[in-house]
Amino acid sequence: MTLQQMANARRTSIVPYTPSPPFTPTAPRLFLPIQPHPTISHSPHLPSPPRQTIHAAYALTTHLIPAAFPRSAPDAPLPVTPPSTPDRVAILVRELMERQGCFVQGELSGSHGRKLLWNCVNRYVRTDNHHISGSGLSLFLAHAIGCPKEVWETMLRNLFGSPAAPLIDEVWSWEAVNHGDSALVNAENLSGISLVDWQDNARDIANFLLNYLPDDTTLASLPTRLDRVPESTSNARKERGYSKRRLVVVGHSFGGTTSILAALNFPKLFSSLILVDPVITEHVENFVRLLSKVAVGALTKRNTWSSREEALRLFKKSPFFASWHPEVLELYVNYGLTADSGNGVRLKTTPIQECLTLINSHDIKEVWELLEKLDGNITLRWVVPLPGLLDEEQTRIGVWRRPANTSNVIFPFAGHLLVQEAPVELAHDIAKFLLGKYGSRTKARL
């Protein structure tokens, strides 16, 4: 391929305006109120050692917060996973999806879950000569299913090296309760939870943004377990947003969908949403078949290796990882795996937890339906492949569900896993967006 052909292959385009077709509305579920957990007696230790910074201008630390309480889904024992044969696993997946449907319809017995769970977050705070005023940009990154919070770091390194970097005071990289280091912290309590509700991840995100994100960006170190802000501060954030921050959320797939749901319920917190191929569609019936197939794949995939070196070597031979940026693949091996009970390594996000997260379909349609009602003051930026996880028609309709204050870009050279496949290009687009919306017109342009 010539240099000109390579340049052409990386060109982007936009989706022209595509109106939504008529649809039959549903009854969206109410957002369960978030309360402080009543029985926190101690904080867990971080499961991974402290890390070096990923960029000279930003310090990196990891923190814990109690997850939203109570949980939307009831506590229930995990299913016993059958032998890893596709036919028997497919039966289990169907049973789990049927139970998920019963839960959404209110036909499943059991009260709201009360187990204490935790979320892990990485903080990247600017430390060079740039003066942090507390009124600059704070980025919040929400990952896709199966990914640790560190999967963003190739994109982040490139963003931190871009002309938009002086605008960014702080970045928080999020981890759902059953993913990555969060899953290690919660391992004992996750063993008694066999329902995963995407609404709970949205509530967890809202819980962090309302109750635990510090009021101001500071160079001072923060405690491992972040302090809860006063109730008066949380209430003020609900009504007026942040007094010293402008929040830009970047959500990929599951992370994008649940970030929209959080923004629908607490719009004042959000300045912009950058949605990286979020999972929203009206045609849930067709999508459920895809989810079922992917969930079977999650349950039957390999989960242990003799070493990280073996895992990386085998991943490089796998068709699934063939399109990943090599640095992102190394991040996945270094931070998505942990030591197992023997001398090898295993996935931090267990196959059963990945499966349970995949089989949620109600929120996919609910968010699609509600998106047109999202506060028009929140700027939307869509970054999508064509085709992606959804078919081309649904993607074209989705990016215009809320037409006002919205823009989009197509990455035709990547698939649904944009963060993993095109992190450099994603950083470039995010930097251009930040400069255009928040930067001075006289600043250097990309």
Protein backbone atom coordinates (compact mmCIF):
# COMPACT_ATOMS: atom_id res chain seq x y z
CA MET A 1 0.00 0.00 0.00
CA THR A 2 1.38 3.42 -0.97
CA LEU A 3 1.53 6.37 1.41
CA GLN A 4 -1.32 8.00 -0.51
CA GLN A 5 -3.43 4.84 -0.22
CA MET A 6 -2.72 4.67 3.51
CA ALA A 7 -3.77 8.30 3.90
CA ASN A 8 -6.98 7.66 1.96
CA ALA A 9 -7.75 4.61 4.12
CA ARG A 10 -7.65 6.78 7.25
CA ARG A 11 -9.94 9.49 5.93
CA THR A 12 -13.12 10.05 7.89
CA SER A 13 -16.58 11.19 6.90
CA ILE A 14 -19.85 12.14 8.54
CA VAL A 15 -23.33 10.67 8.69
CA PRO A 16 -25.85 13.01 7.00
CA TYR A 17 -29.04 13.80 8.87
CA THR A 18 -31.25 10.72 9.13
CA PRO A 19 -34.61 11.12 10.93
CA SER A 20 -35.87 8.47 13.30
CA PRO A 21 -38.73 6.33 12.00
CA PRO A 22 -42.00 6.04 13.94
CA PHE A 23 -41.75 3.61 16.84
CA THR A 24 -43.88 2.18 19.61
CA PRO A 25 -42.84 3.76 22.93
CA THR A 26 -42.18 1.67 26.01
CA ALA A 27 -42.38 2.51 29.70
CA PRO A 28 -38.83 3.40 30.80
CA ARG A 29 -37.85 2.19 34.25
CA LEU A 30 -37.39 4.77 36.99
CA PHE A 31 -33.84 5.38 38.21
CA LEU A 32 -33.53 3.77 41.64
CA PRO A 33 -32.47 6.45 44.19
CA ILE A 34 -28.84 6.28 45.35
CA GLN A 35 -28.21 6.03 49.09
CA PRO A 36 -25.04 5.78 51.20
CA HIS A 37 -24.23 2.17 52.08
CA PRO A 38 -25.18 1.69 55.76
CA THR A 39 -22.46 -0.78 56.80
CA ILE A 40 -19.03 0.29 55.52
CA SER A 41 -16.64 -0.69 58.30
CA HIS A 42 -13.37 -0.65 56.36
CA SER A 43 -11.90 -0.02 52.93
CA PRO A 44 -10.37 -2.80 50.84
CA HIS A 45 -6.80 -2.65 49.61
CA LEU A 46 -6.07 -1.91 45.99
CA PRO A 47 -5.47 -5.23 44.22
CA SER A 48 -2.73 -3.89 41.94
CA PRO A 49 0.50 -2.08 42.91
CA PRO A 50 1.03 1.65 42.27
CA ARG A 51 2.03 2.49 38.73
CA GLN A 52 4.32 4.93 36.97
CA THR A 53 2.79 7.81 35.06
CA ILE A 54 1.91 7.31 31.39
CA HIS A 55 2.95 10.88 30.50
CA ALA A 56 5.45 13.28 32.07
CA ALA A 57 2.84 16.02 32.50
CA TYR A 58 0.30 13.85 34.37
CA ALA A 59 0.49 11.97 37.67
CA LEU A 60 -1.35 8.63 37.93
CA THR A 61 -3.07 7.28 41.03
CA THR A 62 -5.83 4.71 41.63
CA HIS A 63 -8.80 5.17 43.96
CA LEU A 64 -11.85 3.37 45.33
CA ILE A 65 -15.41 4.48 45.98
CA PRO A 66 -18.40 2.53 47.32
CA ALA A 67 -20.75 1.64 44.48
CA ALA A 68 -24.35 2.87 44.33
CA PHE A 69 -26.62 1.38 47.01
CA PRO A 70 -28.90 -0.47 46.88
CA ARG A 71 -28.48 -2.40 43.63
CA SER A 72 -31.34 -2.55 41.17
CA ALA A 73 -31.01 -6.30 40.76
CA PRO A 74 -31.54 -8.77 43.62
CA ASP A 75 -28.72 -10.87 45.05
CA ALA A 76 -28.74 -14.45 43.79
CA PRO A 77 -26.15 -17.23 43.54
CA LEU A 78 -24.14 -17.51 40.34
CA PRO A 79 -25.14 -20.33 38.01
CA VAL A 80 -22.92 -23.38 37.83
CA THR A 81 -21.24 -23.06 34.46
CA PRO A 82 -21.49 -26.33 32.49
CA PRO A 83 -18.55 -27.82 30.60
CA SER A 84 -17.30 -25.51 27.88
CA THR A 85 -19.24 -26.95 24.97
CA PRO A 86 -21.15 -24.47 22.80
CA ASP A 87 -24.46 -26.35 22.90
CA ARG A 88 -24.65 -26.62 26.70
CA VAL A 89 -23.38 -23.09 27.18
CA ALA A 90 -26.00 -21.83 24.70
CA ILE A 91 -28.70 -23.40 26.88
CA LEU A 92 -27.32 -21.60 29.94
CA VAL A 93 -27.21 -18.29 28.06
CA ARG A 94 -30.85 -18.68 27.01
CA GLU A 95 -31.83 -19.38 30.61
CA LEU A 96 -29.91 -16.34 31.84
CA MET A 97 -31.52 -14.12 29.19
CA GLU A 98 -34.97 -15.38 30.15
CA ARG A 99 -34.29 -14.60 33.79
CA GLN A 100 -33.00 -11.15 32.81
CA GLY A 101 -36.28 -10.56 30.96
CA CYS A 102 -38.29 -11.61 34.00
CA PHE A 103 -36.29 -9.20 36.15
CA VAL A 104 -36.92 -6.26 33.82
CA GLN A 105 -40.64 -7.06 33.72
CA GLY A 106 -40.80 -7.17 37.52
CA GLU A 107 -41.61 -10.88 37.54
CA LEU A 108 -38.53 -12.01 39.51
CA SER A 109 -38.80 -12.35 43.27
CA GLY A 110 -36.25 -10.82 45.58
CA SER A 111 -35.51 -7.37 46.95
CA HIS A 112 -32.86 -4.93 45.78
CA GLY A 113 -29.30 -6.18 46.26
CA ARG A 114 -27.59 -4.95 49.41
CA LYS A 115 -24.05 -6.29 49.03
CA LEU A 116 -21.23 -3.79 49.41
CA LEU A 117 -19.46 -3.30 46.08
CA TRP A 118 -16.69 -0.94 45.01
CA ASN A 119 -15.62 0.88 41.88
CA CYS A 120 -11.95 1.43 40.97
CA VAL A 121 -10.95 4.59 39.12
CA ASN A 122 -7.62 5.79 37.74
CA ARG A 123 -6.87 9.49 38.11
CA TYR A 124 -4.50 11.31 35.73
CA VAL A 125 -3.89 14.86 36.98
CA ARG A 126 -1.77 17.52 35.29
CA THR A 127 1.42 18.37 37.22
CA ASP A 128 3.60 20.49 34.92
CA ASN A 129 3.78 24.28 34.80
CA HIS A 130 0.22 24.53 33.53
CA HIS A 131 -1.77 26.34 36.20
CA ILE A 132 -4.71 24.27 37.38
CA SER A 133 -7.52 26.68 38.14
CA GLY A 134 -10.19 24.09 38.84
CA SER A 135 -12.31 25.54 36.05
CA GLY A 136 -10.71 23.59 33.24
CA LEU A 137 -11.80 20.34 31.67
CA SER A 138 -12.23 17.06 33.51
CA LEU A 139 -12.54 13.95 31.33
CA PHE A 140 -14.34 10.81 32.45
CA LEU A 141 -13.73 7.59 30.49
CA ALA A 142 -16.20 4.67 30.56
CA HIS A 143 -15.05 1.35 29.07
CA ALA A 144 -16.69 -1.34 26.94
CA ILE A 145 -17.63 -4.82 28.19
CA GLY A 146 -14.64 -7.02 28.95
CA CYS A 147 -12.12 -4.16 29.14
CA PRO A 148 -10.11 -2.86 32.10
CA LYS A 149 -9.90 0.87 32.78
CA GLU A 150 -6.33 0.95 31.42
CA VAL A 151 -7.50 0.10 27.89
CA TRP A 152 -7.75 3.87 27.24
CA GLU A 153 -4.10 4.65 27.91
CA THR A 154 -2.79 4.50 24.34
CA MET A 155 -5.45 7.02 23.36
CA LEU A 156 -4.67 9.08 26.47
CA ARG A 157 -0.93 9.22 25.79
CA ASN A 158 -1.64 10.61 22.35
CA LEU A 159 -4.24 13.04 23.71
CA PHE A 160 -1.79 14.26 26.36
CA GLY A 161 0.74 14.92 23.58
CA SER A 162 -1.74 16.89 21.47
CA PRO A 163 -2.41 20.67 21.27
CA ALA A 164 -5.55 20.06 23.36
CA ALA A 165 -3.59 18.82 26.39
CA PRO A 166 -3.32 22.24 28.11
CA LEU A 167 -7.11 22.28 28.30
CA ILE A 168 -7.26 19.02 30.27
CA ASP A 169 -6.74 19.38 34.02
CA GLU A 170 -7.72 15.87 35.02
CA VAL A 171 -8.91 12.53 33.66
CA TRP A 172 -10.79 9.81 35.54
CA SER A 173 -10.87 6.33 34.00
CA TRP A 174 -13.80 4.29 35.27
CA GLU A 175 -14.22 0.59 35.99
CA ALA A 176 -17.54 -1.23 36.44
CA VAL A 177 -17.96 -3.32 39.60
CA ASN A 178 -17.41 -6.66 37.81
CA HIS A 179 -14.52 -5.60 35.57
CA GLY A 180 -10.76 -5.35 36.04
CA ASP A 181 -9.46 -4.33 39.46
CA SER A 182 -13.01 -3.62 40.61
CA ALA A 183 -13.84 -7.28 39.98
CA LEU A 184 -10.85 -8.36 42.10
CA VAL A 185 -11.93 -6.10 44.97
CA ASN A 186 -15.52 -7.36 44.71
CA ALA A 187 -14.73 -11.03 44.01
CA GLU A 188 -16.32 -12.42 47.18
CA ASN A 189 -19.58 -10.47 46.85
CA LEU A 190 -19.82 -10.96 43.08
CA SER A 191 -20.08 -14.69 43.74
CA GLY A 192 -23.58 -14.04 45.05
CA ILE A 193 -24.78 -11.86 42.18
CA SER A 194 -26.11 -13.48 39.02
CA LEU A 195 -27.95 -10.51 37.51
CA VAL A 196 -26.17 -7.52 36.00
CA ASP A 197 -28.28 -4.44 35.33
CA TRP A 198 -26.80 -1.78 33.04
CA GLN A 199 -28.84 0.75 35.00
CA ASP A 200 -26.63 -0.04 37.99
CA ASN A 201 -23.49 0.92 36.07
CA ALA A 202 -25.23 4.18 35.14
CA ARG A 203 -26.13 4.68 38.82
CA ASP A 204 -22.53 3.92 39.81
CA ILE A 205 -21.29 6.55 37.36
CA ALA A 206 -23.81 9.06 38.71
CA ASN A 207 -22.86 8.14 42.27
CA PHE A 208 -19.21 8.98 41.57
CA LEU A 209 -20.01 12.21 39.76
CA LEU A 210 -22.53 13.39 42.36
CA ASN A 211 -21.02 12.16 45.60
CA TYR A 212 -17.30 11.44 45.24
CA LEU A 213 -15.67 13.51 42.50
CA PRO A 214 -13.75 16.19 44.43
CA ASP A 215 -15.13 19.70 44.10
CA ASP A 216 -11.90 21.08 42.69
CA THR A 217 -8.94 19.80 40.71
CA THR A 218 -5.88 19.89 42.92
CA LEU A 219 -2.25 18.83 42.69
CA ALA A 220 -2.50 17.51 46.24
CA SER A 221 -2.65 13.74 46.65
CA LEU A 222 -6.03 12.19 47.31
CA PRO A 223 -6.81 9.29 49.68
CA THR A 224 -7.14 5.83 48.16
CA ARG A 225 -10.77 5.74 49.24
CA LEU A 226 -12.22 9.01 48.07
CA ASP A 227 -14.19 11.02 50.61
CA ARG A 228 -17.90 11.55 50.08
CA VAL A 229 -18.75 15.20 49.49
CA PRO A 230 -21.34 16.91 51.74
CA GLU A 231 -24.98 16.29 50.88
CA SER A 232 -25.41 20.00 50.18
CA THR A 233 -22.72 19.76 47.50
CA SER A 234 -24.38 16.74 45.90
CA ASN A 235 -27.72 18.56 45.86
CA ALA A 236 -26.14 21.64 44.30
CA ARG A 237 -24.58 19.49 41.59
CA LYS A 238 -27.97 17.97 40.75
CA GLU A 239 -29.52 21.42 40.39
CA ARG A 240 -26.71 23.50 38.90
CA GLY A 241 -23.84 21.20 37.98
CA TYR A 242 -20.23 21.78 39.03
CA SER A 243 -19.02 25.16 40.17
CA LYS A 244 -15.38 24.58 39.21
CA ARG A 245 -15.40 21.88 36.54
CA ARG A 246 -16.56 21.25 33.00
CA LEU A 247 -17.11 17.53 32.55
CA VAL A 248 -16.56 15.74 29.25
CA VAL A 249 -17.50 12.06 29.27
CA VAL A 250 -16.06 9.64 26.71
CA GLY A 251 -18.00 6.36 26.70
CA HIS A 252 -17.33 3.31 24.53
CA SER A 253 -20.08 0.76 23.75
CA PHE A 254 -21.58 -0.33 27.11
CA GLY A 255 -19.79 2.63 28.71
CA GLY A 256 -21.37 5.03 26.25
CA THR A 257 -24.86 3.62 26.71
CA THR A 258 -24.73 3.78 30.50
CA SER A 259 -23.18 7.27 30.40
CA ILE A 260 -26.18 8.47 28.36
CA LEU A 261 -28.50 6.95 30.96
CA ALA A 262 -26.65 8.78 33.74
CA ALA A 263 -26.86 12.04 31.77
CA LEU A 264 -30.58 11.59 31.18
CA ASN A 265 -31.12 11.45 34.95
CA PHE A 266 -28.56 14.08 36.03
CA PRO A 267 -28.06 16.38 33.01
CA LYS A 268 -26.53 19.32 34.91
CA LEU A 269 -23.35 17.30 35.56
CA PHE A 270 -22.43 16.95 31.89
CA SER A 271 -20.97 19.48 29.47
CA SER A 272 -20.28 17.07 26.59
CA LEU A 273 -20.69 13.39 25.77
CA ILE A 274 -18.31 11.78 23.28
CA LEU A 275 -20.03 8.54 22.33
CA VAL A 276 -17.78 5.89 20.81
CA ASP A 277 -20.17 3.49 19.06
CA PRO A 278 -22.59 3.16 22.00
CA VAL A 279 -24.99 0.22 21.98
CA ILE A 280 -28.44 1.68 21.34
CA THR A 281 -31.07 0.39 18.92
CA GLU A 282 -34.80 0.16 18.53
CA HIS A 283 -34.58 -3.29 16.94
CA VAL A 284 -33.72 -5.21 20.10
CA GLU A 285 -35.06 -8.51 18.80
CA ASN A 286 -32.41 -8.69 16.09
CA PHE A 287 -29.71 -7.51 18.45
CA VAL A 288 -30.57 -10.11 21.10
CA ARG A 289 -29.48 -12.86 18.71
CA LEU A 290 -26.09 -11.20 18.35
CA LEU A 291 -25.81 -10.72 22.11
CA SER A 292 -26.61 -14.40 22.66
CA LYS A 293 -23.87 -15.47 20.26
CA VAL A 294 -21.31 -13.12 21.82
CA ALA A 295 -22.29 -14.28 25.34
CA VAL A 296 -21.71 -17.92 24.37
CA GLY A 297 -18.30 -16.89 23.04
CA ALA A 298 -17.50 -15.13 26.31
CA LEU A 299 -18.32 -18.23 28.37
CA THR A 300 -16.35 -20.62 26.18
CA LYS A 301 -13.22 -18.55 25.61
CA ARG A 302 -9.93 -19.41 27.27
CA ASN A 303 -9.47 -17.84 30.70
CA THR A 304 -6.03 -18.94 31.96
CA TRP A 305 -2.46 -18.96 30.66
CA SER A 306 0.89 -20.02 32.07
CA SER A 307 2.22 -16.44 31.88
CA ARG A 308 1.53 -13.03 30.43
CA GLU A 309 4.13 -13.80 27.78
CA GLU A 310 2.18 -16.86 26.65
CA ALA A 311 -1.08 -14.91 26.68
CA LEU A 312 0.39 -12.13 24.54
CA ARG A 313 1.93 -14.60 22.10
CA LEU A 314 -1.38 -16.43 21.64
CA PHE A 315 -3.42 -13.23 21.45
CA LYS A 316 -1.22 -12.04 18.59
CA LYS A 317 -2.21 -15.17 16.67
CA SER A 318 -5.93 -14.77 17.39
CA PRO A 319 -8.18 -13.30 14.66
CA PHE A 320 -10.11 -11.42 17.36
CA PHE A 321 -7.04 -9.40 18.39
CA ALA A 322 -5.52 -9.07 14.92
CA SER A 323 -6.87 -5.55 14.38
CA TRP A 324 -5.90 -4.22 17.82
CA HIS A 325 -3.21 -1.58 18.13
CA PRO A 326 -0.16 -3.41 19.55
CA GLU A 327 0.16 -1.04 22.51
CA VAL A 328 -3.48 -1.55 23.48
CA LEU A 329 -3.02 -5.32 23.31
CA GLU A 330 -0.07 -5.05 25.69
CA LEU A 331 -2.16 -2.91 28.05
CA TYR A 332 -4.86 -5.57 27.99
CA VAL A 333 -2.35 -8.29 28.86
CA ASN A 334 -0.62 -6.23 31.56
CA TYR A 335 -3.75 -4.88 33.25
CA GLY A 336 -6.60 -7.13 32.15
CA LEU A 337 -4.93 -10.25 33.58
CA THR A 338 -4.01 -11.16 37.14
CA ALA A 339 -2.12 -13.96 38.88
CA ASP A 340 -4.26 -17.07 39.38
CA SER A 341 -4.20 -19.55 42.26
CA GLY A 342 -1.38 -21.47 40.60
CA ASN A 343 1.62 -19.98 38.87
CA GLY A 344 -0.20 -18.64 35.83
CA VAL A 345 -2.49 -15.73 34.99
CA ARG A 346 -6.22 -15.35 34.33
CA LEU A 347 -8.64 -12.68 33.21
CA LYS A 348 -9.62 -10.17 35.90
CA THR A 349 -13.08 -9.94 34.33
CA THR A 350 -14.29 -13.52 34.58
CA PRO A 351 -16.13 -15.10 31.63
CA ILE A 352 -19.34 -15.47 33.63
CA GLN A 353 -19.35 -11.77 34.61
CA GLU A 354 -18.68 -10.75 31.01
CA CYS A 355 -21.56 -12.99 29.91
CA LEU A 356 -23.93 -11.57 32.54
CA THR A 357 -23.10 -8.03 31.40
CA LEU A 358 -23.63 -8.89 27.74
CA ILE A 359 -27.13 -10.32 28.05
CA ASN A 360 -28.80 -7.08 29.11
CA SER A 361 -30.98 -5.79 26.27
CA HIS A 362 -33.70 -3.65 27.88
CA ASP A 363 -31.51 -0.58 28.44
CA ILE A 364 -30.33 -0.66 24.84
CA LYS A 365 -33.81 0.14 23.56
CA GLU A 366 -34.72 2.34 26.51
CA VAL A 367 -31.73 4.63 25.96
CA TRP A 368 -32.44 4.74 22.21
CA GLU A 369 -35.98 5.88 22.97
CA LEU A 370 -35.04 8.44 25.63
CA LEU A 371 -32.05 9.97 23.87
CA GLU A 372 -34.13 12.54 22.00
CA LYS A 373 -35.09 13.98 25.42
CA LEU A 374 -31.48 14.52 26.55
CA ASP A 375 -30.82 18.09 27.67
CA GLY A 376 -29.95 20.15 24.59
CA ASN A 377 -27.19 21.95 26.50
CA ILE A 378 -25.14 18.74 26.52
CA THR A 379 -23.01 18.60 23.39
CA LEU A 380 -23.00 15.21 21.67
CA ARG A 381 -20.10 13.96 19.56
CA TRP A 382 -20.51 10.54 17.94
CA VAL A 383 -17.51 8.51 16.79
CA VAL A 384 -18.78 5.46 14.89
CA PRO A 385 -17.62 2.82 12.42
CA LEU A 386 -19.72 1.80 9.45
CA PRO A 387 -20.53 -0.98 9.77
CA GLY A 388 -20.05 -1.48 13.49
CA LEU A 389 -21.72 -3.65 16.08
CA LEU A 390 -25.07 -2.40 14.76
CA ASP A 391 -26.02 -2.41 11.11
CA GLU A 392 -25.47 0.69 9.00
CA GLU A 393 -29.09 1.84 9.06
CA GLN A 394 -29.35 1.70 12.85
CA THR A 395 -26.06 3.58 13.24
CA ARG A 396 -27.18 6.31 10.85
CA ILE A 397 -30.47 6.71 12.73
CA GLY A 398 -28.84 6.51 16.17
CA VAL A 399 -26.40 9.39 15.72
CA TRP A 400 -29.34 11.71 14.95
CA ARG A 401 -31.72 10.56 17.71
CA ARG A 402 -31.13 13.98 19.29
CA PRO A 403 -30.35 16.32 16.38
CA ALA A 404 -29.65 19.56 18.29
CA ASN A 405 -26.08 20.33 19.41
CA THR A 406 -24.82 17.13 17.81
CA SER A 407 -22.00 16.15 15.46
CA ASN A 408 -20.55 12.86 14.26
CA VAL A 409 -17.60 11.30 12.50
CA ILE A 410 -17.25 7.92 10.78
CA PHE A 411 -14.09 5.84 11.18
CA PRO A 412 -14.41 3.48 8.18
CA PHE A 413 -11.03 1.92 8.94
CA ALA A 414 -12.08 0.43 12.31
CA GLY A 415 -14.80 -1.79 13.74
CA HIS A 416 -16.83 -1.58 16.93
CA LEU A 417 -13.67 -1.78 19.08
CA LEU A 418 -12.52 1.70 18.08
CA VAL A 419 -10.61 2.32 21.31
CA GLN A 420 -8.56 -0.82 20.74
CA GLU A 421 -8.15 -0.56 16.96
CA ALA A 422 -7.73 3.16 16.31
CA PRO A 423 -6.61 4.85 19.56
CA VAL A 424 -4.34 7.36 17.82
CA GLU A 425 -7.07 8.49 15.43
CA LEU A 426 -9.56 8.62 18.31
CA ALA A 427 -7.19 10.84 20.32
CA HIS A 428 -6.83 13.12 17.28
CA ASP A 429 -10.61 13.47 16.92
CA ILE A 430 -11.17 14.07 20.65
CA ALA A 431 -8.41 16.70 20.67
CA LYS A 432 -9.96 18.44 17.67
CA PHE A 433 -13.37 18.40 19.36
CA LEU A 434 -11.99 19.80 22.64
CA LEU A 435 -10.10 22.57 20.88
CA GLY A 436 -13.11 23.48 18.81
CA LYS A 437 -15.52 23.65 21.75
CA TYR A 438 -13.33 24.68 24.68
CA GLY A 439 -10.11 26.10 23.21
CA SER A 440 -9.26 29.60 22.11
CA ARG A 441 -9.58 30.23 18.39
CA THR A 442 -6.01 31.48 18.41
CA LYS A 443 -4.56 28.22 19.77
CA ALA A 444 -2.65 25.89 17.54
CA ARG A 445 -4.97 23.78 15.46
CA LEU A 446 -4.63 20.10 14.61
